[in-house]
Amino acid sequence: YFGKVKVIIEGRRAFAKVASAPLALDLKSLDSSPSSSTALLDWSFFPSSMSGLTSDETGYLFSQERDNLLPVLYLTDTPLKIGQQLDKEVFQKLTQIISKIKEIEIPTHDLEIKISSDNLLIKSSPKLVFSLKKDILRQLASLQLILQKAKIYKMPIEIVYLRFDKPVFIYGQR
């Protein structure tokens, strides 16, 4: 009896576009409390026409960007080259965040993501700020509860700061 072997070779699946951006404001060098540093977060993002590479979920850069429906991750002053692997821990957290965001029905095709100090800023609706130093799953659970309550009470949320021990959110206008 001869068994059969089936070999399937697949290429890497695109997860995000990654672009190198100019150096942003470094909050670590400023003398401020965590809550007052919120006012210093730089929400300016870069032109979507910036060239970059595509990465898979593990952070490997593998080709020029082609898909306009992918989230864009801006890394400050980081030279990018094909075959390079970016920080595994950051990409693991980013994968968890984007998966959960899709699950709670926040559109991901036009997400813009930026790392600022130990914070992950996501330009979406609502804007989101995660701490890369704290438990991502706990922050995602808080986000889901906040968005569920906002939906029940029909309160539009503009920004959710998940980087604090107790999340802070700002309501938008109805």
Foldseek 3Di string as FASTA:
>chain_A
DDDDDDDDDDDADFAAWEAEDADDDAPVPDPDDPVVCVVVDDPDDDDPPGWTFTAHLQQATAGTDDQLQHEYEYEYPDDDDHGDGDDRLVSPLVVVVVVLCVVLPFRGRHWYWYDHHQWIWIVTQATEIAGSVDDSVVLSVLVSVVVVVCVVVVWRWRYWYSHDPHIDTHTDDD
